[in-house]
Amino acid sequence: MILSLTAASALVANRASAIEANELENSAFVAELKRKSDEKREERKQERLDDYNKKNFGDYLDWVAGNDALKDESQLSENDRAIRAYLKSIKN
């Protein structure tokens, strides 16, 4: 009976050290994944915002810009130029 308890405690100790080694390895792996995710976070946020704006405001901005479509670029306000540039960017 004593032999089996000793073997069981050795098995538990081996498992614990294997789990600790795995956690160390996973922590580096997880840290790398988190770093990559953080790098892409702002890019994905901007993509979602652009998709939302394109879906919800594209037609409205086309309509607003339609009134100024024949005007020369120098006669447009800064806001109208920004709208025109945005519409060009979402048409691509």
N, C-alpha and C. Protein backbone atom coordinates (compact mmCIF):
# COMPACT_ATOMS: atom_id res chain seq x y z
N MET A 1 0.82 -1.18 0.00
CA MET A 1 0.00 0.00 0.00
C MET A 1 0.87 1.26 0.00
N ILE A 2 1.96 1.25 0.72
CA ILE A 2 2.85 2.40 0.78
C ILE A 2 3.50 2.63 -0.58
N LEU A 3 3.84 1.59 -1.25
CA LEU A 3 4.45 1.71 -2.57
C LEU A 3 3.50 2.38 -3.55
N SER A 4 2.24 2.02 -3.49
CA SER A 4 1.28 2.61 -4.40
C SER A 4 1.03 4.09 -4.07
N LEU A 5 1.06 4.47 -2.82
CA LEU A 5 0.91 5.88 -2.46
C LEU A 5 2.10 6.69 -2.93
N THR A 6 3.28 6.12 -2.84
CA THR A 6 4.49 6.80 -3.31
C THR A 6 4.43 6.98 -4.82
N ALA A 7 4.03 5.95 -5.51
CA ALA A 7 3.92 6.03 -6.97
C ALA A 7 2.85 7.04 -7.37
N ALA A 8 1.75 7.09 -6.62
CA ALA A 8 0.68 8.04 -6.92
C ALA A 8 1.15 9.47 -6.69
N SER A 9 1.90 9.71 -5.62
CA SER A 9 2.39 11.06 -5.36
C SER A 9 3.41 11.49 -6.41
N ALA A 10 4.23 10.55 -6.89
CA ALA A 10 5.20 10.86 -7.95
C ALA A 10 4.46 11.20 -9.25
N LEU A 11 3.39 10.47 -9.52
CA LEU A 11 2.59 10.74 -10.71
C LEU A 11 1.96 12.13 -10.64
N VAL A 12 1.45 12.48 -9.48
CA VAL A 12 0.84 13.80 -9.29
C VAL A 12 1.90 14.89 -9.45
N ALA A 13 3.08 14.67 -8.91
CA ALA A 13 4.18 15.65 -9.02
C ALA A 13 4.59 15.81 -10.48
N ASN A 14 4.67 14.71 -11.22
CA ASN A 14 5.02 14.79 -12.64
C ASN A 14 3.96 15.54 -13.43
N ARG A 15 2.70 15.28 -13.11
CA ARG A 15 1.61 15.99 -13.78
C ARG A 15 1.67 17.48 -13.49
N ALA A 16 1.93 17.83 -12.24
CA ALA A 16 2.00 19.23 -11.86
C ALA A 16 3.12 19.94 -12.60
N SER A 17 4.29 19.30 -12.70
CA SER A 17 5.40 19.95 -13.42
C SER A 17 5.09 20.04 -14.91
N ALA A 18 4.41 19.05 -15.46
CA ALA A 18 4.02 19.10 -16.87
C ALA A 18 3.02 20.23 -17.12
N ILE A 19 2.09 20.40 -16.20
CA ILE A 19 1.10 21.47 -16.33
C ILE A 19 1.79 22.83 -16.23
N GLU A 20 2.73 22.97 -15.29
CA GLU A 20 3.46 24.23 -15.16
C GLU A 20 4.25 24.55 -16.42
N ALA A 21 4.92 23.55 -16.99
CA ALA A 21 5.68 23.76 -18.23
C ALA A 21 4.74 24.14 -19.36
N ASN A 22 3.59 23.50 -19.41
CA ASN A 22 2.60 23.81 -20.44
C ASN A 22 2.08 25.23 -20.28
N GLU A 23 1.84 25.63 -19.03
CA GLU A 23 1.35 26.99 -18.79
C GLU A 23 2.38 28.03 -19.21
N LEU A 24 3.66 27.77 -18.94
CA LEU A 24 4.71 28.70 -19.37
C LEU A 24 4.76 28.80 -20.89
N GLU A 25 4.66 27.67 -21.54
CA GLU A 25 4.67 27.65 -23.00
C GLU A 25 3.44 28.35 -23.56
N ASN A 26 2.29 28.06 -22.98
CA ASN A 26 1.06 28.68 -23.44
C ASN A 26 1.04 30.17 -23.16
N SER A 27 1.63 30.60 -22.06
CA SER A 27 1.61 32.02 -21.75
C SER A 27 2.39 32.81 -22.81
N ALA A 28 3.50 32.28 -23.29
CA ALA A 28 4.23 32.96 -24.36
C ALA A 28 3.39 32.95 -25.64
N PHE A 29 2.76 31.84 -25.91
CA PHE A 29 1.91 31.72 -27.10
C PHE A 29 0.72 32.67 -27.00
N VAL A 30 0.09 32.68 -25.83
CA VAL A 30 -1.07 33.54 -25.61
C VAL A 30 -0.66 35.01 -25.68
N ALA A 31 0.51 35.34 -25.13
CA ALA A 31 1.00 36.72 -25.19
C ALA A 31 1.22 37.16 -26.63
N GLU A 32 1.73 36.27 -27.46
CA GLU A 32 1.96 36.59 -28.88
C GLU A 32 0.62 36.80 -29.59
N LEU A 33 -0.35 35.95 -29.31
CA LEU A 33 -1.68 36.12 -29.90
C LEU A 33 -2.31 37.43 -29.48
N LYS A 34 -2.17 37.77 -28.21
CA LYS A 34 -2.73 39.02 -27.71
C LYS A 34 -2.06 40.22 -28.37
N ARG A 35 -0.75 40.16 -28.55
CA ARG A 35 -0.03 41.25 -29.19
C ARG A 35 -0.52 41.45 -30.63
N LYS A 36 -0.68 40.35 -31.36
CA LYS A 36 -1.17 40.44 -32.73
C LYS A 36 -2.60 40.99 -32.77
N SER A 37 -3.41 40.56 -31.83
CA SER A 37 -4.79 41.03 -31.76
C SER A 37 -4.84 42.52 -31.48
N ASP A 38 -4.00 42.98 -30.57
CA ASP A 38 -3.96 44.41 -30.24
C ASP A 38 -3.52 45.24 -31.43
N GLU A 39 -2.59 44.72 -32.22
CA GLU A 39 -2.12 45.44 -33.40
C GLU A 39 -3.24 45.63 -34.42
N LYS A 40 -4.09 44.67 -34.56
CA LYS A 40 -5.15 44.72 -35.56
C LYS A 40 -6.44 45.38 -35.07
N ARG A 41 -6.54 45.61 -33.77
CA ARG A 41 -7.79 46.10 -33.18
C ARG A 41 -8.24 47.42 -33.82
N GLU A 42 -7.37 48.40 -33.91
CA GLU A 42 -7.75 49.70 -34.47
C GLU A 42 -8.13 49.58 -35.95
N GLU A 43 -7.38 48.76 -36.67
CA GLU A 43 -7.69 48.57 -38.10
C GLU A 43 -9.07 47.97 -38.29
N ARG A 44 -9.40 46.95 -37.50
CA ARG A 44 -10.73 46.33 -37.61
C ARG A 44 -11.83 47.28 -37.16
N LYS A 45 -11.54 48.09 -36.15
CA LYS A 45 -12.51 49.07 -35.68
C LYS A 45 -12.83 50.07 -36.78
N GLN A 46 -11.81 50.56 -37.48
CA GLN A 46 -12.02 51.51 -38.57
C GLN A 46 -12.77 50.86 -39.72
N GLU A 47 -12.46 49.61 -40.04
CA GLU A 47 -13.18 48.90 -41.10
C GLU A 47 -14.66 48.77 -40.76
N ARG A 48 -14.97 48.42 -39.50
CA ARG A 48 -16.38 48.30 -39.10
C ARG A 48 -17.09 49.65 -39.20
N LEU A 49 -16.42 50.72 -38.79
CA LEU A 49 -17.01 52.05 -38.86
C LEU A 49 -17.25 52.46 -40.31
N ASP A 50 -16.29 52.19 -41.19
CA ASP A 50 -16.46 52.51 -42.60
C ASP A 50 -17.61 51.72 -43.23
N ASP A 51 -17.69 50.44 -42.88
CA ASP A 51 -18.79 49.62 -43.41
C ASP A 51 -20.14 50.14 -42.91
N TYR A 52 -20.21 50.52 -41.65
CA TYR A 52 -21.44 51.07 -41.09
C TYR A 52 -21.82 52.36 -41.81
N ASN A 53 -20.87 53.26 -41.96
CA ASN A 53 -21.15 54.53 -42.62
C ASN A 53 -21.56 54.34 -44.08
N LYS A 54 -20.89 53.44 -44.76
CA LYS A 54 -21.21 53.16 -46.16
C LYS A 54 -22.64 52.62 -46.28
N LYS A 55 -22.99 51.71 -45.37
CA LYS A 55 -24.31 51.10 -45.41
C LYS A 55 -25.41 52.10 -45.06
N ASN A 56 -25.17 52.95 -44.05
CA ASN A 56 -26.23 53.80 -43.52
C ASN A 56 -26.24 55.22 -44.08
N PHE A 57 -25.12 55.70 -44.58
CA PHE A 57 -25.07 57.09 -44.99
C PHE A 57 -24.66 57.30 -46.45
N GLY A 58 -24.29 56.26 -47.13
CA GLY A 58 -23.83 56.39 -48.51
C GLY A 58 -24.86 57.04 -49.42
N ASP A 59 -26.09 56.57 -49.38
CA ASP A 59 -27.14 57.13 -50.24
C ASP A 59 -27.44 58.58 -49.89
N TYR A 60 -27.47 58.88 -48.61
CA TYR A 60 -27.74 60.25 -48.18
C TYR A 60 -26.63 61.18 -48.66
N LEU A 61 -25.39 60.75 -48.48
CA LEU A 61 -24.28 61.60 -48.90
C LEU A 61 -24.26 61.76 -50.42
N ASP A 62 -24.64 60.73 -51.16
CA ASP A 62 -24.76 60.86 -52.62
C ASP A 62 -25.80 61.93 -52.96
N TRP A 63 -26.90 61.91 -52.25
CA TRP A 63 -27.97 62.87 -52.49
C TRP A 63 -27.51 64.29 -52.16
N VAL A 64 -26.84 64.46 -51.02
CA VAL A 64 -26.33 65.77 -50.63
C VAL A 64 -25.28 66.25 -51.62
N ALA A 65 -24.39 65.37 -52.03
CA ALA A 65 -23.34 65.75 -52.95
C ALA A 65 -23.89 66.02 -54.35
N GLY A 66 -25.03 65.46 -54.65
CA GLY A 66 -25.63 65.68 -55.97
C GLY A 66 -25.91 67.16 -56.23
N ASN A 67 -26.25 67.91 -55.20
CA ASN A 67 -26.51 69.34 -55.36
C ASN A 67 -25.25 70.10 -55.75
N ASP A 68 -24.10 69.59 -55.34
CA ASP A 68 -22.84 70.28 -55.61
C ASP A 68 -22.02 69.59 -56.69
N ALA A 69 -22.61 68.67 -57.41
CA ALA A 69 -21.87 67.86 -58.37
C ALA A 69 -21.25 68.68 -59.49
N LEU A 70 -21.92 69.74 -59.90
CA LEU A 70 -21.42 70.52 -61.02
C LEU A 70 -20.53 71.68 -60.58
N LYS A 71 -20.42 71.91 -59.29
CA LYS A 71 -19.59 73.00 -58.80
C LYS A 71 -18.12 72.66 -58.94
N ASP A 72 -17.33 73.69 -59.14
CA ASP A 72 -15.89 73.54 -59.17
C ASP A 72 -15.39 73.20 -57.76
N GLU A 73 -14.32 72.45 -57.68
CA GLU A 73 -13.77 72.04 -56.39
C GLU A 73 -13.42 73.24 -55.51
N SER A 74 -12.96 74.32 -56.09
CA SER A 74 -12.56 75.50 -55.30
C SER A 74 -13.77 76.22 -54.70
N GLN A 75 -14.96 76.02 -55.26
CA GLN A 75 -16.16 76.68 -54.75
C GLN A 75 -16.83 75.89 -53.62
N LEU A 76 -16.39 74.68 -53.41
CA LEU A 76 -17.00 73.84 -52.37
C LEU A 76 -16.45 74.18 -50.99
N SER A 77 -17.30 73.99 -49.99
CA SER A 77 -16.84 74.17 -48.62
C SER A 77 -15.95 73.00 -48.23
N GLU A 78 -15.27 73.13 -47.13
CA GLU A 78 -14.38 72.05 -46.67
C GLU A 78 -15.18 70.78 -46.39
N ASN A 79 -16.38 70.94 -45.83
CA ASN A 79 -17.24 69.79 -45.56
C ASN A 79 -17.68 69.10 -46.86
N ASP A 80 -18.02 69.91 -47.87
CA ASP A 80 -18.43 69.32 -49.15
C ASP A 80 -17.27 68.58 -49.81
N ARG A 81 -16.06 69.12 -49.68
CA ARG A 81 -14.89 68.43 -50.23
C ARG A 81 -14.65 67.11 -49.48
N ALA A 82 -14.86 67.12 -48.17
CA ALA A 82 -14.69 65.90 -47.38
C ALA A 82 -15.73 64.85 -47.78
N ILE A 83 -16.96 65.30 -48.01
CA ILE A 83 -18.02 64.37 -48.46
C ILE A 83 -17.66 63.79 -49.81
N ARG A 84 -17.20 64.64 -50.72
CA ARG A 84 -16.84 64.17 -52.07
C ARG A 84 -15.69 63.16 -52.00
N ALA A 85 -14.68 63.44 -51.16
CA ALA A 85 -13.55 62.51 -51.01
C ALA A 85 -14.02 61.19 -50.39
N TYR A 86 -14.91 61.27 -49.42
CA TYR A 86 -15.41 60.04 -48.79
C TYR A 86 -16.20 59.20 -49.79
N LEU A 87 -17.03 59.86 -50.58
CA LEU A 87 -17.82 59.12 -51.57
C LEU A 87 -16.91 58.44 -52.59
N LYS A 88 -15.83 59.11 -52.98
CA LYS A 88 -14.88 58.48 -53.91
C LYS A 88 -14.24 57.26 -53.26
N SER A 89 -13.92 57.38 -51.96
CA SER A 89 -13.25 56.26 -51.30
C SER A 89 -14.16 55.05 -51.14
N ILE A 90 -15.45 55.24 -50.94
CA ILE A 90 -16.33 54.08 -50.75
C ILE A 90 -16.81 53.49 -52.07
N LYS A 91 -16.62 54.22 -53.17
CA LYS A 91 -17.01 53.69 -54.47
C LYS A 91 -16.04 52.62 -54.95
N ASN A 92 -14.83 52.62 -54.40
CA ASN A 92 -13.79 51.67 -54.85
C ASN A 92 -14.11 50.31 -54.44
